[in-house]
Amino acid sequence: MIDGKVFGSLFVTLFVIMDPPGTIPIFLALTSGRAHRVQRRMAWQAALVALGVITCFGLFGQQILGYLHVTIPALQISGGILLLLIALDLLTGRIEEPTQTKDVNVALVPLGTPLLAGPGAIVAVILGVQQAHGSAQYVAVWSAIVAMHAVLWLTMRFSLVIIRVIKEGGVVLITRLSGLLLSAIAVQLVASGVFGFIDAHPA
């Protein structure tokens, strides 16, 4: 048994937050210069890392944050700062240096986390698990999580075909555009965290 309403609600929420179509330009930018075999491996590695992080926080999120005395706004701000640093690399072209594209497994960081398994997705999963009641809803929550990561893997896996079409010049253009969009997302995360702190500690 599975609760279709809970499944649909969480799946749509994660789809909007994790944005599989939006990961295509970032994935192409971060993996440019690598062999297609390596890029395919990085696609499933990134999805698997994101699933592992999301699963960990789904199971132990409240306990982890409580033990570390970390609030949700703090998580949003830290994630926003990390994304902003990545966005600056994309905008300035430093992400294309050989030490970035050849030697570092970007499937783990920053792609797996915090780009895919970021503060927004973590918070959504923590809340989804907390609000689930009964086996049908728990099955729905975890089914939605697994389904979302399958979609992410498929999106990245088949985005490799785009490389053959747009060539290196297109990758550079997409890199700059994705850096701009990612910087806006980062600023929004930081702003949301700041407002969260203000709401939690009114004057």
C-alpha atoms as a PDB file:
ATOM      1  CA  MET A   1       0.000   0.000   0.000  1.00  0.00           C
ATOM      2  CA  ILE A   2       1.153   3.490  -0.825  1.00  0.00           C
ATOM      3  CA  ASP A   3      -0.451   6.870  -0.190  1.00  0.00           C
ATOM      4  CA  GLY A   4      -0.617   8.452  -3.653  1.00  0.00           C
ATOM      5  CA  LYS A   5      -1.348  11.933  -2.326  1.00  0.00           C
ATOM      6  CA  VAL A   6       1.708  11.950  -0.060  1.00  0.00           C
ATOM      7  CA  PHE A   7       3.860  10.489  -2.837  1.00  0.00           C
ATOM      8  CA  GLY A   8       2.725  13.103  -5.355  1.00  0.00           C
ATOM      9  CA  SER A   9       3.095  15.990  -2.938  1.00  0.00           C
ATOM     10  CA  LEU A  10       6.648  15.154  -1.880  1.00  0.00           C
ATOM     11  CA  PHE A  11       7.747  14.164  -5.396  1.00  0.00           C
ATOM     12  CA  VAL A  12       6.542  17.457  -6.866  1.00  0.00           C
ATOM     13  CA  THR A  13       8.137  19.397  -4.007  1.00  0.00           C
ATOM     14  CA  LEU A  14      11.490  17.684  -4.526  1.00  0.00           C
ATOM     15  CA  PHE A  15      11.211  18.069  -8.305  1.00  0.00           C
ATOM     16  CA  VAL A  16      10.773  21.827  -7.962  1.00  0.00           C
ATOM     17  CA  ILE A  17      13.579  22.152  -5.399  1.00  0.00           C
ATOM     18  CA  MET A  18      16.119  19.801  -7.008  1.00  0.00           C
ATOM     19  CA  ASP A  19      15.136  20.885 -10.539  1.00  0.00           C
ATOM     20  CA  PRO A  20      16.365  18.017 -12.782  1.00  0.00           C
ATOM     21  CA  PRO A  21      16.218  20.080 -16.015  1.00  0.00           C
ATOM     22  CA  GLY A  22      18.211  22.820 -14.302  1.00  0.00           C
ATOM     23  CA  THR A  23      20.961  20.360 -13.386  1.00  0.00           C
ATOM     24  CA  ILE A  24      21.774  19.741 -17.048  1.00  0.00           C
ATOM     25  CA  PRO A  25      23.842  22.912 -17.687  1.00  0.00           C
ATOM     26  CA  ILE A  26      25.579  22.638 -14.322  1.00  0.00           C
ATOM     27  CA  PHE A  27      26.375  18.968 -14.886  1.00  0.00           C
ATOM     28  CA  LEU A  28      27.735  19.708 -18.353  1.00  0.00           C
ATOM     29  CA  ALA A  29      29.823  22.582 -17.020  1.00  0.00           C
ATOM     30  CA  LEU A  30      31.284  20.629 -14.104  1.00  0.00           C
ATOM     31  CA  THR A  31      32.068  17.515 -16.161  1.00  0.00           C
ATOM     32  CA  SER A  32      33.340  19.139 -19.360  1.00  0.00           C
ATOM     33  CA  GLY A  33      36.711  17.855 -20.535  1.00  0.00           C
ATOM     34  CA  ARG A  34      36.187  14.343 -19.184  1.00  0.00           C
ATOM     35  CA  ALA A  35      35.743  11.144 -21.187  1.00  0.00           C
ATOM     36  CA  HIS A  36      32.134  10.126 -21.834  1.00  0.00           C
ATOM     37  CA  ARG A  37      32.658   6.944 -19.820  1.00  0.00           C
ATOM     38  CA  VAL A  38      33.761   9.021 -16.828  1.00  0.00           C
ATOM     39  CA  GLN A  39      30.835  11.411 -17.262  1.00  0.00           C
ATOM     40  CA  ARG A  40      28.376   8.517 -17.277  1.00  0.00           C
ATOM     41  CA  ARG A  41      29.934   7.177 -14.088  1.00  0.00           C
ATOM     42  CA  MET A  42      29.744  10.596 -12.462  1.00  0.00           C
ATOM     43  CA  ALA A  43      26.038  10.827 -13.305  1.00  0.00           C
ATOM     44  CA  TRP A  44      25.143   7.805 -11.183  1.00  0.00           C
ATOM     45  CA  GLN A  45      27.712   8.727  -8.530  1.00  0.00           C
ATOM     46  CA  ALA A  46      26.142  12.167  -8.081  1.00  0.00           C
ATOM     47  CA  ALA A  47      22.631  10.696  -7.875  1.00  0.00           C
ATOM     48  CA  LEU A  48      23.806   8.045  -5.403  1.00  0.00           C
ATOM     49  CA  VAL A  49      25.596  10.587  -3.191  1.00  0.00           C
ATOM     50  CA  ALA A  50      22.530  12.832  -3.186  1.00  0.00           C
ATOM     51  CA  LEU A  51      20.313   9.855  -2.295  1.00  0.00           C
ATOM     52  CA  GLY A  52      22.663   8.878   0.527  1.00  0.00           C
ATOM     53  CA  VAL A  53      22.685  12.399   1.993  1.00  0.00           C
ATOM     54  CA  ILE A  54      18.913  12.772   1.669  1.00  0.00           C
ATOM     55  CA  THR A  55      18.342   9.321   3.208  1.00  0.00           C
ATOM     56  CA  CYS A  56      20.644  10.134   6.123  1.00  0.00           C
ATOM     57  CA  PHE A  57      18.814  13.351   6.903  1.00  0.00           C
ATOM     58  CA  GLY A  58      15.440  11.694   6.360  1.00  0.00           C
ATOM     59  CA  LEU A  59      16.290   9.082   8.983  1.00  0.00           C
ATOM     60  CA  PHE A  60      18.334  11.146  11.432  1.00  0.00           C
ATOM     61  CA  GLY A  61      17.882  14.775  10.343  1.00  0.00           C
ATOM     62  CA  GLN A  62      16.226  16.120  13.461  1.00  0.00           C
ATOM     63  CA  GLN A  63      18.656  14.304  15.741  1.00  0.00           C
ATOM     64  CA  ILE A  64      21.694  15.493  13.762  1.00  0.00           C
ATOM     65  CA  LEU A  65      20.621  19.133  13.700  1.00  0.00           C
ATOM     66  CA  GLY A  66      19.550  19.019  17.342  1.00  0.00           C
ATOM     67  CA  TYR A  67      22.818  17.420  18.481  1.00  0.00           C
ATOM     68  CA  LEU A  68      24.868  20.014  16.607  1.00  0.00           C
ATOM     69  CA  HIS A  69      22.530  22.834  17.695  1.00  0.00           C
ATOM     70  CA  VAL A  70      22.091  23.789  14.039  1.00  0.00           C
ATOM     71  CA  THR A  71      18.885  25.480  12.961  1.00  0.00           C
ATOM     72  CA  ILE A  72      17.218  25.299   9.555  1.00  0.00           C
ATOM     73  CA  PRO A  73      18.089  28.961   8.774  1.00  0.00           C
ATOM     74  CA  ALA A  74      21.753  28.209   9.526  1.00  0.00           C
ATOM     75  CA  LEU A  75      21.578  25.276   7.116  1.00  0.00           C
ATOM     76  CA  GLN A  76      20.094  27.531   4.444  1.00  0.00           C
ATOM     77  CA  ILE A  77      22.760  30.213   4.874  1.00  0.00           C
ATOM     78  CA  SER A  78      25.671  27.774   4.821  1.00  0.00           C
ATOM     79  CA  GLY A  79      24.290  26.032   1.732  1.00  0.00           C
ATOM     80  CA  GLY A  80      23.759  29.395   0.041  1.00  0.00           C
ATOM     81  CA  ILE A  81      27.359  30.459   0.682  1.00  0.00           C
ATOM     82  CA  LEU A  82      28.694  27.173  -0.723  1.00  0.00           C
ATOM     83  CA  LEU A  83      26.553  27.541  -3.840  1.00  0.00           C
ATOM     84  CA  LEU A  84      27.684  31.161  -4.261  1.00  0.00           C
ATOM     85  CA  LEU A  85      31.338  30.096  -4.249  1.00  0.00           C
ATOM     86  CA  ILE A  86      30.568  27.481  -6.907  1.00  0.00           C
ATOM     87  CA  ALA A  87      28.632  30.058  -8.950  1.00  0.00           C
ATOM     88  CA  LEU A  88      31.622  32.433  -8.860  1.00  0.00           C
ATOM     89  CA  ASP A  89      33.853  29.637 -10.180  1.00  0.00           C
ATOM     90  CA  LEU A  90      31.427  29.029 -13.035  1.00  0.00           C
ATOM     91  CA  LEU A  91      31.164  32.743 -13.867  1.00  0.00           C
ATOM     92  CA  THR A  92      34.910  33.390 -13.814  1.00  0.00           C
ATOM     93  CA  GLY A  93      35.865  30.189 -15.616  1.00  0.00           C
ATOM     94  CA  ARG A  94      38.011  28.820 -12.794  1.00  0.00           C
ATOM     95  CA  ILE A  95      35.907  25.648 -12.835  1.00  0.00           C
ATOM     96  CA  GLU A  96      37.457  24.863 -16.220  1.00  0.00           C
ATOM     97  CA  GLU A  97      41.030  24.715 -14.985  1.00  0.00           C
ATOM     98  CA  PRO A  98      42.692  21.270 -15.315  1.00  0.00           C
ATOM     99  CA  THR A  99      42.853  20.766 -11.540  1.00  0.00           C
ATOM    100  CA  GLN A 100      39.111  21.262 -11.423  1.00  0.00           C
ATOM    101  CA  THR A 101      38.029  19.215 -14.422  1.00  0.00           C
ATOM    102  CA  LYS A 102      40.519  16.347 -14.385  1.00  0.00           C
ATOM    103  CA  ASP A 103      41.490  15.482 -10.845  1.00  0.00           C
ATOM    104  CA  VAL A 104      38.530  16.371  -8.634  1.00  0.00           C
ATOM    105  CA  ASN A 105      35.458  14.152  -8.449  1.00  0.00           C
ATOM    106  CA  VAL A 106      32.805  16.854  -8.675  1.00  0.00           C
ATOM    107  CA  ALA A 107      30.135  14.130  -8.594  1.00  0.00           C
ATOM    108  CA  LEU A 108      30.603  14.056  -4.827  1.00  0.00           C
ATOM    109  CA  VAL A 109      31.066  17.771  -4.106  1.00  0.00           C
ATOM    110  CA  PRO A 110      29.605  20.079  -5.317  1.00  0.00           C
ATOM    111  CA  LEU A 111      27.251  18.094  -7.579  1.00  0.00           C
ATOM    112  CA  GLY A 112      25.965  15.374  -5.245  1.00  0.00           C
ATOM    113  CA  THR A 113      25.863  17.840  -2.386  1.00  0.00           C
ATOM    114  CA  PRO A 114      25.043  20.702  -1.993  1.00  0.00           C
ATOM    115  CA  LEU A 115      23.760  21.157  -5.570  1.00  0.00           C
ATOM    116  CA  LEU A 116      21.400  18.158  -5.613  1.00  0.00           C
ATOM    117  CA  ALA A 117      21.068  17.311  -1.927  1.00  0.00           C
ATOM    118  CA  GLY A 118      20.945  20.916  -0.760  1.00  0.00           C
ATOM    119  CA  PRO A 119      19.293  22.647   2.196  1.00  0.00           C
ATOM    120  CA  GLY A 120      15.931  22.938   0.455  1.00  0.00           C
ATOM    121  CA  ALA A 121      15.714  19.237  -0.376  1.00  0.00           C
ATOM    122  CA  ILE A 122      16.978  18.245   3.075  1.00  0.00           C
ATOM    123  CA  VAL A 123      14.384  20.390   4.818  1.00  0.00           C
ATOM    124  CA  ALA A 124      11.595  19.060   2.574  1.00  0.00           C
ATOM    125  CA  VAL A 125      12.561  15.460   3.350  1.00  0.00           C
ATOM    126  CA  ILE A 126      12.861  16.068   7.093  1.00  0.00           C
ATOM    127  CA  LEU A 127       9.394  17.632   7.125  1.00  0.00           C
ATOM    128  CA  GLY A 128       7.961  14.885   4.901  1.00  0.00           C
ATOM    129  CA  VAL A 129       9.208  12.144   7.233  1.00  0.00           C
ATOM    130  CA  GLN A 130       7.963  14.025  10.308  1.00  0.00           C
ATOM    131  CA  GLN A 131       4.479  14.475   8.868  1.00  0.00           C
ATOM    132  CA  ALA A 132       4.096  10.855   7.695  1.00  0.00           C
ATOM    133  CA  HIS A 133       1.761   8.660   9.726  1.00  0.00           C
ATOM    134  CA  GLY A 134       1.247   4.968   9.107  1.00  0.00           C
ATOM    135  CA  SER A 135       3.060   2.532   6.842  1.00  0.00           C
ATOM    136  CA  ALA A 136       1.327   3.702   3.640  1.00  0.00           C
ATOM    137  CA  GLN A 137       2.557   7.256   4.097  1.00  0.00           C
ATOM    138  CA  TYR A 138       6.075   6.195   5.070  1.00  0.00           C
ATOM    139  CA  VAL A 139       6.279   3.992   1.963  1.00  0.00           C
ATOM    140  CA  ALA A 140       5.017   6.917  -0.109  1.00  0.00           C
ATOM    141  CA  VAL A 141       7.659   9.288   1.323  1.00  0.00           C
ATOM    142  CA  TRP A 142      10.574   6.957   0.637  1.00  0.00           C
ATOM    143  CA  SER A 143       9.214   5.932  -2.763  1.00  0.00           C
ATOM    144  CA  ALA A 144       9.038   9.599  -3.757  1.00  0.00           C
ATOM    145  CA  ILE A 145      12.640  10.121  -2.619  1.00  0.00           C
ATOM    146  CA  VAL A 146      13.934   7.140  -4.614  1.00  0.00           C
ATOM    147  CA  ALA A 147      11.866   8.071  -7.690  1.00  0.00           C
ATOM    148  CA  MET A 148      13.186  11.631  -7.615  1.00  0.00           C
ATOM    149  CA  HIS A 149      16.789  10.462  -7.593  1.00  0.00           C
ATOM    150  CA  ALA A 150      16.085   8.055 -10.443  1.00  0.00           C
ATOM    151  CA  VAL A 151      14.819  11.032 -12.443  1.00  0.00           C
ATOM    152  CA  LEU A 152      17.953  12.995 -11.560  1.00  0.00           C
ATOM    153  CA  TRP A 153      20.178  10.148 -12.726  1.00  0.00           C
ATOM    154  CA  LEU A 154      18.306   9.773 -16.016  1.00  0.00           C
ATOM    155  CA  THR A 155      18.476  13.529 -16.598  1.00  0.00           C
ATOM    156  CA  MET A 156      22.235  13.673 -16.088  1.00  0.00           C
ATOM    157  CA  ARG A 157      22.870  10.387 -17.883  1.00  0.00           C
ATOM    158  CA  PHE A 158      21.202  11.473 -21.109  1.00  0.00           C
ATOM    159  CA  SER A 159      22.370  15.082 -20.918  1.00  0.00           C
ATOM    160  CA  LEU A 160      25.710  13.754 -22.147  1.00  0.00           C
ATOM    161  CA  VAL A 161      24.236  13.600 -25.659  1.00  0.00           C
ATOM    162  CA  ILE A 162      23.946  17.387 -25.557  1.00  0.00           C
ATOM    163  CA  ILE A 163      27.731  17.706 -25.380  1.00  0.00           C
ATOM    164  CA  ARG A 164      28.060  16.245 -28.870  1.00  0.00           C
ATOM    165  CA  VAL A 165      25.569  18.789 -30.200  1.00  0.00           C
ATOM    166  CA  ILE A 166      26.622  22.066 -28.547  1.00  0.00           C
ATOM    167  CA  LYS A 167      30.404  21.425 -28.574  1.00  0.00           C
ATOM    168  CA  GLU A 168      32.880  23.245 -26.313  1.00  0.00           C
ATOM    169  CA  GLY A 169      31.660  26.731 -27.211  1.00  0.00           C
ATOM    170  CA  GLY A 170      28.162  25.859 -26.122  1.00  0.00           C
ATOM    171  CA  VAL A 171      29.454  24.400 -22.868  1.00  0.00           C
ATOM    172  CA  VAL A 172      31.260  27.667 -22.100  1.00  0.00           C
ATOM    173  CA  LEU A 173      28.098  29.659 -22.762  1.00  0.00           C
ATOM    174  CA  ILE A 174      25.988  27.325 -20.623  1.00  0.00           C
ATOM    175  CA  THR A 175      28.625  27.496 -17.885  1.00  0.00           C
ATOM    176  CA  ARG A 176      28.318  31.276 -17.647  1.00  0.00           C
ATOM    177  CA  LEU A 177      24.515  31.201 -17.706  1.00  0.00           C
ATOM    178  CA  SER A 178      24.332  28.458 -15.088  1.00  0.00           C
ATOM    179  CA  GLY A 179      26.743  30.412 -12.881  1.00  0.00           C
ATOM    180  CA  LEU A 180      24.443  33.431 -13.060  1.00  0.00           C
ATOM    181  CA  LEU A 181      21.353  31.383 -12.223  1.00  0.00           C
ATOM    182  CA  LEU A 182      23.143  29.511  -9.457  1.00  0.00           C
ATOM    183  CA  SER A 183      24.296  32.764  -7.858  1.00  0.00           C
ATOM    184  CA  ALA A 184      20.671  33.964  -7.733  1.00  0.00           C
ATOM    185  CA  ILE A 185      19.614  30.689  -6.073  1.00  0.00           C
ATOM    186  CA  ALA A 186      22.458  31.048  -3.575  1.00  0.00           C
ATOM    187  CA  VAL A 187      21.494  34.604  -2.654  1.00  0.00           C
ATOM    188  CA  GLN A 188      17.862  33.521  -2.208  1.00  0.00           C
ATOM    189  CA  LEU A 189      18.932  30.729   0.151  1.00  0.00           C
ATOM    190  CA  VAL A 190      21.020  33.130   2.224  1.00  0.00           C
ATOM    191  CA  ALA A 191      18.190  35.680   2.319  1.00  0.00           C
ATOM    192  CA  SER A 192      15.694  33.005   3.402  1.00  0.00           C
ATOM    193  CA  GLY A 193      18.070  31.938   6.166  1.00  0.00           C
ATOM    194  CA  VAL A 194      18.533  35.511   7.379  1.00  0.00           C
ATOM    195  CA  PHE A 195      14.787  36.114   7.483  1.00  0.00           C
ATOM    196  CA  GLY A 196      14.413  32.795   9.307  1.00  0.00           C
ATOM    197  CA  PHE A 197      16.839  33.976  11.978  1.00  0.00           C
ATOM    198  CA  ILE A 198      14.954  37.271  12.297  1.00  0.00           C
ATOM    199  CA  ASP A 199      11.621  35.485  12.664  1.00  0.00           C
ATOM    200  CA  ALA A 200      13.055  33.110  15.260  1.00  0.00           C
ATOM    201  CA  HIS A 201      14.639  35.950  17.277  1.00  0.00           C
ATOM    202  CA  PRO A 202      12.307  38.967  17.012  1.00  0.00           C
ATOM    203  CA  ALA A 203      13.513  42.204  18.516  1.00  0.00           C
END
